[in-house]
Amino acid sequence: MTMFGDGLDQAVRKAFTRPVPKSAGAQMRYLVKQLKGTRAVAQMLRISQRTVERYVKDQLKKPRPDLAGRLEGEVKKRWQPQIRAKARQKAATTDGIVIDTRARLGYTAPAGTTDQDRVRHLTVALPPHYAARLFNAQEAGATEQQLQEIAAEALKDVYFQDGGRRAGSLEEVRFTDIEHLEFDL
């Protein structure tokens, strides 16, 4: 997936109240229950319906690495949807989101300013409207670049301009060479 998409998903996963099923059988049973049948699970995971049935009955226990990855990813995508929605809603309306990043940051500004890019490690609390924009863009299928632009705009407003109290002449923030990126609700 993507660095920003995975980071947002990871932040939401921290709100889960129960652990995601670990064994292949438990994961398969969960997917069969969610998709209401073994045929749909088999088509989604690109395996035979009989193989799904064997995992459900615990006749098979250790999936191939590629199947294990697909299986775990699909379960995590669907796990506790109401808690996931509440966490996103809370971040988008009241709490906001915290971004922790180590990246090359710079900006475009009028002549005579020190706008040279440099690597910075920032931990910044973003207001709820930026959290809402990030989550809405992710749900709408935004690309990595679009999510990065929203985060850069948020850093411009919160970090560089301090909510409009300074550096009012900044035009654009460059957010590149990302070494580390983590979100927290």
Foldseek 3Di string as FASTA:
>chain_A
DAPLLVQLLVQLVVQDPDDQDDWQLVLLVVVCVVVVHLVVVCVQLVHDSVVSVCSVVVVDTDDDPVSVVSSVVVSSVPPPPVSSVVVLVCCQPPFPKKKWWWFWKFFDFDPPDPGDTDTDTDIFGFHNNLSNVLVVCVVVPHDNVVSVQSVQVRCCCCPVCVNVVDDPGTDGMDTDPIPDIHMHD
